[in-house]
Amino acid sequence: MKKIIPLFCGSLIFLFFSCSNPQSTVLTSQESTLRNAVQEKNSNTVWTKEIEPDKLSAKISTNINVQNKALINPQMLNTVKMLQPAIYPEIKGFASMDCTSMNQALLQTLTEFCNSLSEGTQNISSFFDYEYFYNCVFFINDLKELVGEAKENEKLFTSYYICKGFEGDELIQVPVRFYKNKKTLDLSVYLTYHGGYKVIQIEILGWGKTYGESEKTK
């Protein structure tokens, strides 16, 4: 009986130290092989540096705050406008009013011709090429009724629009719309260049009328 008690006490002491020391756990051969494989793989892998690690670890807020001082000033607005392509109006069913690509000398000649025609037909012959003077006579005759209706010292047309032209090697065609009160006249002016831009023919495309908002509903 005395021999059994020390043996039993020794067994309890051994069991106590075994349970209190987890590092004494022995790995199996399979677990050891897997651990060695992972360590070897990790040591042989070339890892890249993190790109912008501060941003990856930062907290992203769903609320975007705009500073009160971040205002658009007139200079910034003008810069934005310069970067945007220009948008030009057009006369519906007639032509575009974009004359940016038109030769400045041609545009000047057309402007002077339209100003002269707005006053009447008596001085437009100087804008015609002498070889095509008969076309000037025909055009003046086509406007004879309109000229007869005009009162003394009254303009033949009150305003006009020069539209985008079509320039060829020998011939230039430019649409022009004239206004008088609510009446409109659409022309196609043909010009050529012989030491200066000269009109060779004017084609009447049609007469029309503009309407006010109240008249459109009738």
Protein backbone atom coordinates (compact mmCIF):
# COMPACT_ATOMS: atom_id res chain seq x y z
CA MET A 1 0.00 0.00 0.00
CA LYS A 2 2.84 2.42 0.78
CA LYS A 3 4.38 1.77 -2.65
CA ILE A 4 1.16 2.54 -4.48
CA ILE A 5 0.66 6.00 -2.92
CA PRO A 6 4.00 7.50 -4.15
CA LEU A 7 3.44 6.00 -7.60
CA PHE A 8 -0.05 7.50 -7.75
CA CYS A 9 1.23 10.91 -6.64
CA GLY A 10 3.97 10.84 -9.26
CA SER A 11 1.44 10.10 -11.97
CA LEU A 12 -0.69 13.11 -10.92
CA ILE A 13 2.33 15.46 -10.98
CA PHE A 14 3.34 14.31 -14.50
CA LEU A 15 -0.22 14.73 -15.76
CA PHE A 16 -0.43 18.27 -14.26
CA PHE A 17 2.72 19.54 -16.00
CA SER A 18 1.73 17.95 -19.31
CA CYS A 19 -1.60 19.81 -19.40
CA SER A 20 -0.21 23.16 -18.21
CA ASN A 21 2.48 23.34 -20.94
CA PRO A 22 0.77 23.43 -24.41
CA GLN A 23 4.10 23.97 -26.22
CA SER A 24 5.02 20.44 -25.45
CA THR A 25 2.53 19.26 -28.11
CA VAL A 26 4.35 17.13 -30.65
CA LEU A 27 3.51 17.73 -34.35
CA THR A 28 2.77 14.82 -36.56
CA SER A 29 4.99 14.26 -39.56
CA GLN A 30 2.23 15.48 -41.94
CA GLU A 31 1.70 18.78 -40.06
CA SER A 32 5.44 19.37 -39.97
CA THR A 33 5.70 18.82 -43.71
CA LEU A 34 2.88 21.32 -44.44
CA ARG A 35 4.40 23.95 -42.17
CA ASN A 36 7.80 23.60 -43.84
CA ALA A 37 6.17 23.87 -47.29
CA VAL A 38 4.35 27.10 -46.31
CA GLN A 39 7.48 28.64 -44.84
CA GLU A 40 9.50 27.75 -47.93
CA LYS A 41 6.83 29.15 -50.25
CA ASN A 42 6.69 32.38 -48.25
CA SER A 43 10.46 32.83 -48.25
CA ASN A 44 10.74 32.25 -52.03
CA THR A 45 7.88 34.63 -52.95
CA VAL A 46 8.84 38.15 -54.09
CA TRP A 47 6.29 40.56 -52.59
CA THR A 48 5.63 43.98 -54.17
CA LYS A 49 5.27 47.13 -52.14
CA GLU A 50 1.77 48.38 -51.40
CA ILE A 51 0.51 51.15 -53.65
CA GLU A 52 -0.61 54.14 -51.61
CA PRO A 53 -0.93 52.15 -48.37
CA ASP A 54 -2.26 55.21 -46.53
CA LYS A 55 -5.28 55.37 -48.85
CA LEU A 56 -5.90 51.65 -48.58
CA SER A 57 -6.03 51.85 -44.82
CA ALA A 58 -7.98 55.13 -44.66
CA LYS A 59 -11.66 55.17 -43.89
CA ILE A 60 -13.82 56.20 -46.84
CA SER A 61 -16.58 58.65 -46.07
CA THR A 62 -19.76 58.67 -48.11
CA ASN A 63 -20.20 62.39 -47.47
CA ILE A 64 -18.20 64.62 -49.84
CA ASN A 65 -17.61 68.06 -48.40
CA VAL A 66 -16.90 70.98 -50.75
CA GLN A 67 -14.93 73.85 -49.31
CA ASN A 68 -16.75 77.14 -49.14
CA LYS A 69 -13.82 78.90 -50.77
CA ALA A 70 -13.82 76.57 -53.82
CA LEU A 71 -15.99 78.85 -55.96
CA ILE A 72 -15.96 79.24 -59.77
CA ASN A 73 -14.81 82.73 -60.71
CA PRO A 74 -15.40 84.45 -64.10
CA GLN A 75 -11.88 83.59 -65.29
CA MET A 76 -12.43 79.89 -64.67
CA LEU A 77 -15.81 80.02 -66.40
CA ASN A 78 -14.29 81.69 -69.47
CA THR A 79 -11.61 79.00 -69.61
CA VAL A 80 -14.27 76.28 -69.56
CA LYS A 81 -16.16 78.02 -72.35
CA MET A 82 -13.00 78.21 -74.46
CA LEU A 83 -12.47 74.46 -74.12
CA GLN A 84 -16.01 73.69 -75.26
CA PRO A 85 -16.83 73.74 -78.99
CA ALA A 86 -19.03 76.66 -79.99
CA ILE A 87 -22.68 75.94 -80.75
CA TYR A 88 -24.25 78.08 -83.46
CA PRO A 89 -27.97 78.49 -84.17
CA GLU A 90 -29.56 77.64 -87.46
CA ILE A 91 -32.63 78.79 -89.33
CA LYS A 92 -34.89 75.76 -89.28
CA GLY A 93 -35.32 74.30 -92.74
CA PHE A 94 -32.90 76.81 -94.28
CA ALA A 95 -29.26 76.94 -93.20
CA SER A 96 -26.75 77.11 -90.35
CA MET A 97 -25.62 80.52 -89.11
CA ASP A 98 -22.05 79.38 -88.45
CA CYS A 99 -19.85 81.68 -90.57
CA THR A 100 -16.60 81.07 -88.64
CA SER A 101 -14.96 79.26 -91.56
CA MET A 102 -15.93 81.89 -94.12
CA ASN A 103 -13.19 84.03 -95.62
CA GLN A 104 -13.29 87.47 -93.95
CA ALA A 105 -13.04 89.32 -97.25
CA LEU A 106 -15.98 87.30 -98.59
CA LEU A 107 -18.00 87.97 -95.45
CA GLN A 108 -17.25 91.69 -95.73
CA THR A 109 -18.42 91.75 -99.36
CA LEU A 110 -21.65 89.95 -98.46
CA THR A 111 -22.27 92.30 -95.55
CA GLU A 112 -21.88 95.36 -97.78
CA PHE A 113 -24.15 93.82 -100.43
CA CYS A 114 -26.86 92.98 -97.86
CA ASN A 115 -26.68 96.48 -96.40
CA SER A 116 -27.07 97.96 -99.86
CA LEU A 117 -30.01 95.70 -100.76
CA SER A 118 -31.71 96.52 -97.45
CA GLU A 119 -31.81 100.16 -98.59
CA GLY A 120 -33.17 99.26 -102.04
CA THR A 121 -32.13 97.83 -105.42
CA GLN A 122 -30.74 101.03 -106.94
CA ASN A 123 -27.10 100.48 -105.93
CA ILE A 124 -26.61 96.68 -105.98
CA SER A 125 -25.34 96.52 -109.58
CA SER A 126 -21.81 97.44 -108.47
CA PHE A 127 -21.56 94.09 -106.64
CA PHE A 128 -22.14 92.07 -109.83
CA ASP A 129 -19.51 90.76 -112.20
CA TYR A 130 -19.88 92.75 -115.45
CA GLU A 131 -20.15 89.51 -117.47
CA TYR A 132 -23.26 88.55 -115.49
CA PHE A 133 -24.89 91.97 -115.30
CA TYR A 134 -28.05 90.61 -116.94
CA ASN A 135 -28.65 88.47 -113.81
CA CYS A 136 -28.71 91.70 -111.79
CA VAL A 137 -31.45 93.02 -114.09
CA PHE A 138 -33.51 89.86 -113.65
CA PHE A 139 -33.17 89.99 -109.86
CA ILE A 140 -34.20 93.65 -109.67
CA ASN A 141 -37.24 92.82 -111.80
CA ASP A 142 -38.20 89.98 -109.41
CA LEU A 143 -38.26 92.50 -106.54
CA LYS A 144 -40.19 95.15 -108.49
CA GLU A 145 -43.46 94.52 -106.65
CA LEU A 146 -41.80 94.66 -103.23
CA VAL A 147 -40.01 97.88 -104.16
CA GLY A 148 -43.30 99.39 -105.35
CA GLU A 149 -44.95 98.65 -102.00
CA ALA A 150 -42.23 100.45 -100.04
CA LYS A 151 -43.05 103.93 -98.83
CA GLU A 152 -40.79 106.90 -99.42
CA ASN A 153 -37.55 106.67 -97.41
CA GLU A 154 -38.63 103.22 -96.16
CA LYS A 155 -36.09 100.42 -96.12
CA LEU A 156 -36.65 97.48 -98.43
CA PHE A 157 -35.60 95.09 -95.62
CA THR A 158 -35.23 95.73 -91.91
CA SER A 159 -32.68 92.98 -91.13
CA TYR A 160 -30.89 89.97 -92.58
CA TYR A 161 -28.85 86.89 -91.68
CA ILE A 162 -25.84 85.64 -93.63
CA CYS A 163 -25.62 81.86 -93.25
CA LYS A 164 -22.94 79.23 -93.69
CA GLY A 165 -21.67 79.20 -97.26
CA PHE A 166 -20.47 76.45 -99.58
CA GLU A 167 -17.14 77.32 -101.17
CA GLY A 168 -15.89 75.48 -104.25
CA ASP A 169 -12.89 76.03 -106.47
CA GLU A 170 -14.71 78.40 -108.85
CA LEU A 171 -18.09 79.08 -107.26
CA ILE A 172 -19.32 80.16 -103.82
CA GLN A 173 -22.92 79.76 -102.69
CA VAL A 174 -24.14 81.63 -99.62
CA PRO A 175 -27.71 81.45 -98.22
CA VAL A 176 -29.09 84.76 -96.95
CA ARG A 177 -32.43 85.50 -95.30
CA PHE A 178 -33.93 89.00 -95.33
CA TYR A 179 -36.68 90.26 -93.05
CA LYS A 180 -39.24 93.00 -93.45
CA ASN A 181 -41.78 93.17 -90.64
CA LYS A 182 -43.19 89.62 -90.63
CA LYS A 183 -42.21 88.81 -94.21
CA THR A 184 -39.04 86.88 -95.09
CA LEU A 185 -37.11 86.39 -98.30
CA ASP A 186 -34.63 83.54 -98.70
CA LEU A 187 -31.88 83.99 -101.27
CA SER A 188 -28.98 81.95 -102.52
CA VAL A 189 -26.18 84.32 -103.55
CA TYR A 190 -23.59 82.94 -105.97
CA LEU A 191 -20.19 84.62 -106.15
CA THR A 192 -16.86 84.12 -107.86
CA TYR A 193 -13.42 85.57 -107.32
CA HIS A 194 -11.85 87.69 -110.07
CA GLY A 195 -9.62 90.23 -108.35
CA GLY A 196 -12.28 90.45 -105.66
CA TYR A 197 -15.54 88.70 -104.78
CA LYS A 198 -18.29 89.44 -107.29
CA VAL A 199 -21.91 88.29 -107.48
CA ILE A 200 -22.79 86.36 -110.63
CA GLN A 201 -26.33 85.23 -109.79
CA ILE A 202 -29.00 85.53 -107.09
CA GLU A 203 -31.60 82.80 -106.79
CA ILE A 204 -34.84 83.45 -104.92
CA LEU A 205 -35.50 80.36 -102.83
CA GLY A 206 -38.82 81.47 -101.46
CA TRP A 207 -40.94 84.01 -99.65
CA GLY A 208 -42.19 83.37 -96.15
CA LYS A 209 -43.78 84.84 -93.09
CA THR A 210 -42.92 84.81 -89.41
CA TYR A 211 -45.61 84.30 -86.80
CA GLY A 212 -46.04 85.49 -83.25
CA GLU A 213 -47.00 83.11 -80.46
CA SER A 214 -50.64 84.25 -80.54
CA GLU A 215 -50.83 83.72 -84.30
CA LYS A 216 -49.41 80.19 -84.09
CA THR A 217 -52.35 79.05 -81.95
CA LYS A 218 -54.95 80.23 -84.43
